[in-house]
């Protein structure tokens, strides 16, 4: 009897690993236990691929900058008339010359029908936990504290059936900002230490950033001062 049970289990595992069977074997999320999936985000077992053309999905983000642990909302949205059954999302470095396969940051809250996924670090990725059709899902993402260069959100999205999927669906780029990069501005609008010096021969080049209203007020004040001086001489 034990031999028969072992044969049945072995047969099931063999079927589960056959091409096209991963939707049945992993209905509750991307199979990140399979070697390389966290790095290449390829839907192993879904090939041969039958989808073509541009993905009918977009990734929308709530900010074009990251830093200071400021949370960013990330939404995967299907075009009108489309839905998706599976997704796998990570934040990645966009710049070349650095590791662009590492999942960055941490997802902190996710929509119903999706879940946190661990790719090396906990909750560094986001994916589905059911095969129910979805038209839009949203997650909150907390970035790394340090500057990682330009970052994009990258997704693999399965429309269903298993062979109909798109890889490398990308969000707009977000850039690092710690909120302290820009120096304080003076009244002139230039950076501190480079304001408008009325005794400087370089007055006008440094004051080009003055608003028209401010310039008119200064000119009017100068006329009044000149008139008062002339009258009392």
Protein backbone atom coordinates (compact mmCIF):
# COMPACT_ATOMS: atom_id res chain seq x y z
CA UNK A 1 0.00 0.00 0.00
CA UNK A 2 2.81 2.42 0.89
CA UNK A 3 4.45 1.81 -2.49
CA UNK A 4 1.16 2.59 -4.26
CA UNK A 5 0.82 5.86 -2.31
CA UNK A 6 4.37 6.86 -3.18
CA UNK A 7 3.73 6.16 -6.86
CA UNK A 8 0.57 8.33 -6.79
CA UNK A 9 2.37 11.20 -5.12
CA UNK A 10 5.28 10.96 -7.56
CA UNK A 11 2.86 10.96 -10.51
CA UNK A 12 1.07 14.06 -9.18
CA UNK A 13 4.34 15.94 -8.68
CA UNK A 14 5.50 15.00 -12.16
CA UNK A 15 2.25 16.29 -13.66
CA UNK A 16 2.49 19.48 -11.64
CA UNK A 17 5.91 20.22 -13.09
CA UNK A 18 4.83 19.66 -16.71
CA UNK A 19 4.64 22.73 -18.97
CA UNK A 20 1.28 24.47 -18.72
CA UNK A 21 0.41 22.96 -15.35
CA UNK A 22 1.65 25.70 -13.00
CA UNK A 23 -1.75 27.39 -12.86
CA UNK A 24 -3.14 24.17 -11.39
CA UNK A 25 -0.10 23.54 -9.17
CA UNK A 26 0.20 27.15 -7.91
CA UNK A 27 -3.28 28.70 -7.94
CA UNK A 28 -2.49 30.89 -4.94
CA UNK A 29 0.43 32.91 -6.25
CA UNK A 30 3.65 33.06 -8.26
CA UNK A 31 5.82 29.95 -7.68
CA UNK A 32 8.72 31.80 -6.07
CA UNK A 33 10.04 28.53 -4.64
CA UNK A 34 11.12 27.64 -8.17
CA UNK A 35 14.75 28.66 -8.68
CA UNK A 36 15.19 31.91 -10.59
CA UNK A 37 11.57 33.08 -10.54
CA UNK A 38 12.24 35.97 -8.15
CA UNK A 39 15.03 37.18 -10.43
CA UNK A 40 13.62 36.71 -13.94
CA UNK A 41 9.91 37.00 -13.04
CA UNK A 42 9.20 34.55 -15.84
CA UNK A 43 5.95 32.58 -15.50
CA UNK A 44 7.61 29.17 -15.61
CA UNK A 45 5.29 26.50 -16.95
CA UNK A 46 3.02 28.96 -18.80
CA UNK A 47 4.80 28.63 -22.13
CA UNK A 48 4.38 28.41 -25.10
CA UNK A 49 3.10 31.96 -24.93
CA UNK A 50 0.02 32.87 -26.95
CA UNK A 51 -0.26 36.58 -26.13
CA UNK A 52 1.14 39.24 -28.44
CA UNK A 53 1.25 43.00 -28.83
CA UNK A 54 1.27 45.61 -26.13
CA UNK A 55 0.04 44.60 -22.69
CA UNK A 56 -3.54 45.76 -22.01
CA UNK A 57 -2.47 46.80 -18.51
CA UNK A 58 -0.85 49.82 -16.89
CA UNK A 59 0.94 50.42 -13.60
CA UNK A 60 0.01 53.72 -11.95
CA UNK A 61 1.93 55.25 -9.04
CA UNK A 62 1.00 57.99 -6.59
CA UNK A 63 4.38 59.78 -6.64
CA UNK A 64 7.28 60.34 -9.02
CA UNK A 65 9.80 60.48 -6.15
CA UNK A 66 10.74 58.21 -3.26
CA UNK A 67 12.62 58.66 0.00
CA UNK A 68 12.17 59.35 3.72
CA UNK A 69 10.16 56.12 3.98
CA UNK A 70 7.24 57.88 2.27
CA UNK A 71 4.68 55.29 1.21
CA UNK A 72 3.71 55.09 -2.46
CA UNK A 73 0.47 53.58 -3.80
CA UNK A 74 0.95 51.22 -6.74
CA UNK A 75 -2.05 50.23 -8.87
CA UNK A 76 -2.19 47.58 -11.58
CA UNK A 77 -5.06 48.52 -13.88
CA UNK A 78 -6.57 46.57 -16.78
CA UNK A 79 -7.71 48.40 -19.89
CA UNK A 80 -11.42 48.56 -20.57
CA UNK A 81 -12.79 45.13 -21.46
CA UNK A 82 -9.82 43.24 -19.96
CA UNK A 83 -9.08 41.50 -16.69
CA UNK A 84 -6.22 39.47 -15.26
CA UNK A 85 -6.00 36.38 -13.08
CA UNK A 86 -2.38 36.51 -11.95
CA UNK A 87 0.28 39.11 -11.29
CA UNK A 88 3.80 39.37 -9.89
CA UNK A 89 5.15 42.84 -9.07
CA UNK A 90 8.50 44.11 -7.79
CA UNK A 91 10.26 47.45 -7.49
CA UNK A 92 13.55 47.33 -9.39
CA UNK A 93 16.50 49.62 -10.10
CA UNK A 94 16.13 51.03 -13.59
CA UNK A 95 19.70 52.20 -14.10
CA UNK A 96 22.19 49.94 -15.80
CA UNK A 97 25.49 49.14 -14.12
CA UNK A 98 23.74 48.12 -10.88
CA UNK A 99 21.83 45.02 -9.81
CA UNK A 100 18.51 45.36 -11.63
CA UNK A 101 17.13 41.98 -10.49
CA UNK A 102 16.87 42.77 -6.77
CA UNK A 103 13.41 43.39 -5.33
CA UNK A 104 13.55 46.70 -3.47
CA UNK A 105 11.55 48.11 -0.59
CA UNK A 106 8.60 46.56 1.17
CA UNK A 107 4.91 46.24 0.35
CA UNK A 108 2.93 47.17 3.45
CA UNK A 109 -0.73 46.75 2.45
CA UNK A 110 -2.41 45.03 -0.48
CA UNK A 111 -5.83 44.66 -2.10
CA UNK A 112 -8.09 41.69 -1.55
CA UNK A 113 -7.15 38.84 -3.86
CA UNK A 114 -3.44 39.62 -3.61
CA UNK A 115 -0.68 38.99 -1.06
CA UNK A 116 2.83 39.84 0.08
CA UNK A 117 5.60 37.73 -1.42
CA UNK A 118 9.08 37.11 -0.07
CA UNK A 119 11.89 37.37 -2.61
CA UNK A 120 14.99 37.24 -0.37
CA UNK A 121 13.42 39.78 2.01
CA UNK A 122 9.91 39.66 3.46
CA UNK A 123 7.16 41.44 1.49
CA UNK A 124 9.61 42.64 -1.17
CA UNK A 125 7.21 41.49 -3.90
CA UNK A 126 3.47 41.42 -4.49
CA UNK A 127 1.27 38.91 -6.29
CA UNK A 128 -2.11 37.22 -6.58
CA UNK A 129 -3.47 34.69 -4.12
CA UNK A 130 -6.39 33.49 -6.22
CA UNK A 131 -7.20 32.97 -9.89
CA UNK A 132 -10.33 35.13 -9.70
CA UNK A 133 -10.48 37.76 -12.49
CA UNK A 134 -9.36 41.24 -11.43
CA UNK A 135 -9.58 44.60 -13.18
CA UNK A 136 -7.57 46.69 -10.70
CA UNK A 137 -5.58 46.05 -7.53
CA UNK A 138 -3.59 48.43 -5.33
CA UNK A 139 -0.75 48.04 -2.85
CA UNK A 140 1.23 50.43 -0.69
CA UNK A 141 5.00 50.28 -1.00
CA UNK A 142 7.64 51.68 1.34
CA UNK A 143 10.96 52.47 -0.39
CA UNK A 144 14.50 51.89 0.85
CA UNK A 145 15.79 54.81 2.90
CA UNK A 146 18.94 55.25 0.81
CA UNK A 147 19.30 56.39 -2.78
CA UNK A 148 18.95 53.43 -5.14
CA UNK A 149 18.93 55.50 -8.31
CA UNK A 150 15.91 55.52 -10.64
CA UNK A 151 13.34 52.85 -9.73
CA UNK A 152 10.51 51.27 -11.71
CA UNK A 153 7.76 48.85 -10.76
CA UNK A 154 7.97 45.81 -12.97
CA UNK A 155 5.23 43.23 -13.42
CA UNK A 156 4.40 39.93 -15.03
CA UNK A 157 0.65 39.73 -15.63
CA UNK A 158 -1.37 36.66 -16.62
CA UNK A 159 -4.67 37.30 -18.34
CA UNK A 160 -5.68 33.66 -18.53
CA UNK A 161 -5.53 31.01 -19.80
CA UNK A 162 -2.02 30.28 -18.52
CA UNK A 163 -0.35 30.87 -21.88
CA UNK A 164 -1.76 34.39 -22.26
CA UNK A 165 0.59 36.62 -20.27
CA UNK A 166 2.84 39.68 -20.55
CA UNK A 167 6.22 40.25 -18.94
CA UNK A 168 8.15 43.48 -18.33
CA UNK A 169 5.07 45.62 -17.80
CA UNK A 170 6.62 48.75 -16.28
CA UNK A 171 5.54 51.85 -14.38
CA UNK A 172 6.89 55.35 -14.95
CA UNK A 173 10.27 55.95 -13.32
CA UNK A 174 10.48 57.33 -9.79
CA UNK A 175 13.52 59.24 -8.53
CA UNK A 176 15.12 59.59 -5.11
CA UNK A 177 14.42 62.71 -3.06
CA UNK A 178 15.27 63.05 0.62
CA UNK A 179 13.50 66.38 0.92
CA UNK A 180 16.79 68.14 1.65
CA UNK A 181 18.41 68.20 -1.78
CA UNK A 182 17.34 71.76 -2.58
CA UNK A 183 18.91 74.61 -0.64
CA UNK A 184 16.63 77.18 1.00
CA UNK A 185 15.61 79.96 -1.32
CA UNK A 186 15.91 83.68 -0.72
CA UNK A 187 13.31 86.30 -1.60
CA UNK A 188 14.83 86.52 -5.04
CA UNK A 189 14.11 82.87 -5.67
CA UNK A 190 17.76 81.97 -6.06
CA UNK A 191 19.62 79.64 -3.74
CA UNK A 192 20.89 80.86 -0.40
CA UNK A 193 24.06 82.91 -0.73
CA UNK A 194 23.21 84.02 -4.26
CA UNK A 195 20.44 86.54 -3.63
CA UNK A 196 20.05 89.96 -5.20
CA UNK A 197 22.73 92.31 -3.90
CA UNK A 198 21.70 95.90 -4.57
CA UNK A 199 25.36 96.91 -4.38
CA UNK A 200 26.41 94.34 -6.92
CA UNK A 201 27.09 95.16 -10.54
CA UNK A 202 25.59 91.73 -11.31
CA UNK A 203 22.20 92.79 -9.96
CA UNK A 204 20.07 91.92 -12.95
CA UNK A 205 21.61 88.55 -13.88
CA UNK A 206 21.05 87.34 -10.32
CA UNK A 207 17.53 88.69 -10.11
CA UNK A 208 16.06 87.25 -13.27
CA UNK A 209 14.06 84.86 -11.13
CA UNK A 210 12.12 87.73 -9.53
CA UNK A 211 8.42 87.63 -10.25
CA UNK A 212 6.98 90.46 -12.32
CA UNK A 213 4.92 91.67 -9.37
CA UNK A 214 7.97 91.87 -7.11
CA UNK A 215 9.93 93.73 -9.79
CA UNK A 216 7.12 96.28 -10.25
CA UNK A 217 6.90 96.85 -6.49
CA UNK A 218 10.65 97.40 -6.25
CA UNK A 219 10.61 99.80 -9.20
CA UNK A 220 7.68 101.76 -7.72
CA UNK A 221 9.46 101.96 -4.37
CA UNK A 222 12.61 103.27 -6.07
CA UNK A 223 10.55 105.98 -7.85
CA UNK A 224 8.95 107.08 -4.56
CA UNK A 225 12.33 107.24 -2.83
CA UNK A 226 13.79 109.27 -5.69
CA UNK A 227 10.82 111.67 -5.66
CA UNK A 228 11.02 112.17 -1.89
CA UNK A 229 14.79 112.77 -2.06
CA UNK A 230 14.39 115.38 -4.84
CA UNK A 231 11.61 117.18 -2.99
CA UNK A 232 13.62 117.51 0.24
CA UNK A 233 16.91 118.61 -1.27
